[in-house]
Amino acid sequence: GRAVVNRAIEICQDIWPSEGIRISSQQRLENFYREFGFNTVSTPYLEDGLPHVEMVRPA
């Protein structure tokens, strides 16, 4: 998991160095993504019957 997220961040930074990264995360994984610099930017909402939140990692 962590290696995949780290690699995805590296690829995004290589392609779009001045852009942040926005993800839709299951709410139960908020703390996991916070470890990579993502911040929650929405209130929880349902997606496929599960609570999710929007998260952003600044550029």
C-alpha atoms as a PDB file:
ATOM      1  CA  GLY A   1       0.000   0.000   0.000  1.00  0.00           C
ATOM      2  CA  ARG A   2       2.510   2.645   1.075  1.00  0.00           C
ATOM      3  CA  ALA A   3       4.907   1.896  -1.786  1.00  0.00           C
ATOM      4  CA  VAL A   4       2.085   2.233  -4.321  1.00  0.00           C
ATOM      5  CA  VAL A   5       0.955   5.583  -2.891  1.00  0.00           C
ATOM      6  CA  ASN A   6       4.532   6.883  -2.776  1.00  0.00           C
ATOM      7  CA  ARG A   7       5.078   5.888  -6.413  1.00  0.00           C
ATOM      8  CA  ALA A   8       1.777   7.455  -7.503  1.00  0.00           C
ATOM      9  CA  ILE A   9       2.762  10.719  -5.787  1.00  0.00           C
ATOM     10  CA  GLU A  10       6.170  10.659  -7.507  1.00  0.00           C
ATOM     11  CA  ILE A  11       4.555  10.153 -10.921  1.00  0.00           C
ATOM     12  CA  CYS A  12       2.045  12.959 -10.356  1.00  0.00           C
ATOM     13  CA  GLN A  13       4.816  15.319  -9.236  1.00  0.00           C
ATOM     14  CA  ASP A  14       6.917  14.447 -12.297  1.00  0.00           C
ATOM     15  CA  ILE A  15       4.042  15.072 -14.716  1.00  0.00           C
ATOM     16  CA  TRP A  16       2.338  18.008 -12.924  1.00  0.00           C
ATOM     17  CA  PRO A  17       4.984  19.547 -10.622  1.00  0.00           C
ATOM     18  CA  SER A  18       2.991  22.683  -9.790  1.00  0.00           C
ATOM     19  CA  GLU A  19      -0.339  20.932  -9.153  1.00  0.00           C
ATOM     20  CA  GLY A  20      -1.749  19.427  -5.978  1.00  0.00           C
ATOM     21  CA  ILE A  21      -3.213  15.934  -5.922  1.00  0.00           C
ATOM     22  CA  ARG A  22      -6.924  15.390  -5.198  1.00  0.00           C
ATOM     23  CA  ILE A  23      -8.302  12.011  -4.181  1.00  0.00           C
ATOM     24  CA  SER A  24     -11.585  10.533  -3.031  1.00  0.00           C
ATOM     25  CA  SER A  25     -10.843   8.317  -0.026  1.00  0.00           C
ATOM     26  CA  GLN A  26     -12.925   6.023   2.082  1.00  0.00           C
ATOM     27  CA  GLN A  27     -13.348   7.888   5.345  1.00  0.00           C
ATOM     28  CA  ARG A  28     -11.779   5.015   7.304  1.00  0.00           C
ATOM     29  CA  LEU A  29      -8.502   5.619   5.391  1.00  0.00           C
ATOM     30  CA  GLU A  30      -8.165   9.349   6.186  1.00  0.00           C
ATOM     31  CA  ASN A  31      -5.309   8.829   8.653  1.00  0.00           C
ATOM     32  CA  PHE A  32      -3.451   6.585   6.196  1.00  0.00           C
ATOM     33  CA  TYR A  33      -3.486   9.303   3.518  1.00  0.00           C
ATOM     34  CA  ARG A  34      -2.622  12.021   6.052  1.00  0.00           C
ATOM     35  CA  GLU A  35       0.710  10.236   6.490  1.00  0.00           C
ATOM     36  CA  PHE A  36       1.430  11.210   2.853  1.00  0.00           C
ATOM     37  CA  GLY A  37       0.510  14.877   3.295  1.00  0.00           C
ATOM     38  CA  PHE A  38      -3.147  14.746   2.242  1.00  0.00           C
ATOM     39  CA  ASN A  39      -5.660  17.013   4.007  1.00  0.00           C
ATOM     40  CA  THR A  40      -9.402  16.441   4.192  1.00  0.00           C
ATOM     41  CA  VAL A  41     -11.300  19.142   2.285  1.00  0.00           C
ATOM     42  CA  SER A  42     -14.895  17.895   2.420  1.00  0.00           C
ATOM     43  CA  THR A  43     -17.478  16.586   4.788  1.00  0.00           C
ATOM     44  CA  PRO A  44     -18.182  12.853   4.507  1.00  0.00           C
ATOM     45  CA  TYR A  45     -20.462  11.717   1.694  1.00  0.00           C
ATOM     46  CA  LEU A  46     -21.676   8.326   0.525  1.00  0.00           C
ATOM     47  CA  GLU A  47     -20.126   6.659  -2.506  1.00  0.00           C
ATOM     48  CA  ASP A  48     -21.170   3.091  -3.265  1.00  0.00           C
ATOM     49  CA  GLY A  49     -22.810   2.977   0.157  1.00  0.00           C
ATOM     50  CA  LEU A  50     -19.575   3.806   2.021  1.00  0.00           C
ATOM     51  CA  PRO A  51     -18.573   7.112   3.650  1.00  0.00           C
ATOM     52  CA  HIS A  52     -15.893   8.934   1.645  1.00  0.00           C
ATOM     53  CA  VAL A  53     -14.078  12.273   1.878  1.00  0.00           C
ATOM     54  CA  GLU A  54     -12.222  14.428  -0.642  1.00  0.00           C
ATOM     55  CA  MET A  55      -8.552  14.922   0.217  1.00  0.00           C
ATOM     56  CA  VAL A  56      -5.877  17.171  -1.291  1.00  0.00           C
ATOM     57  CA  ARG A  57      -2.087  17.030  -1.142  1.00  0.00           C
ATOM     58  CA  PRO A  58      -0.664  20.489  -1.868  1.00  0.00           C
ATOM     59  CA  ALA A  59       1.934  20.887  -4.620  1.00  0.00           C
END
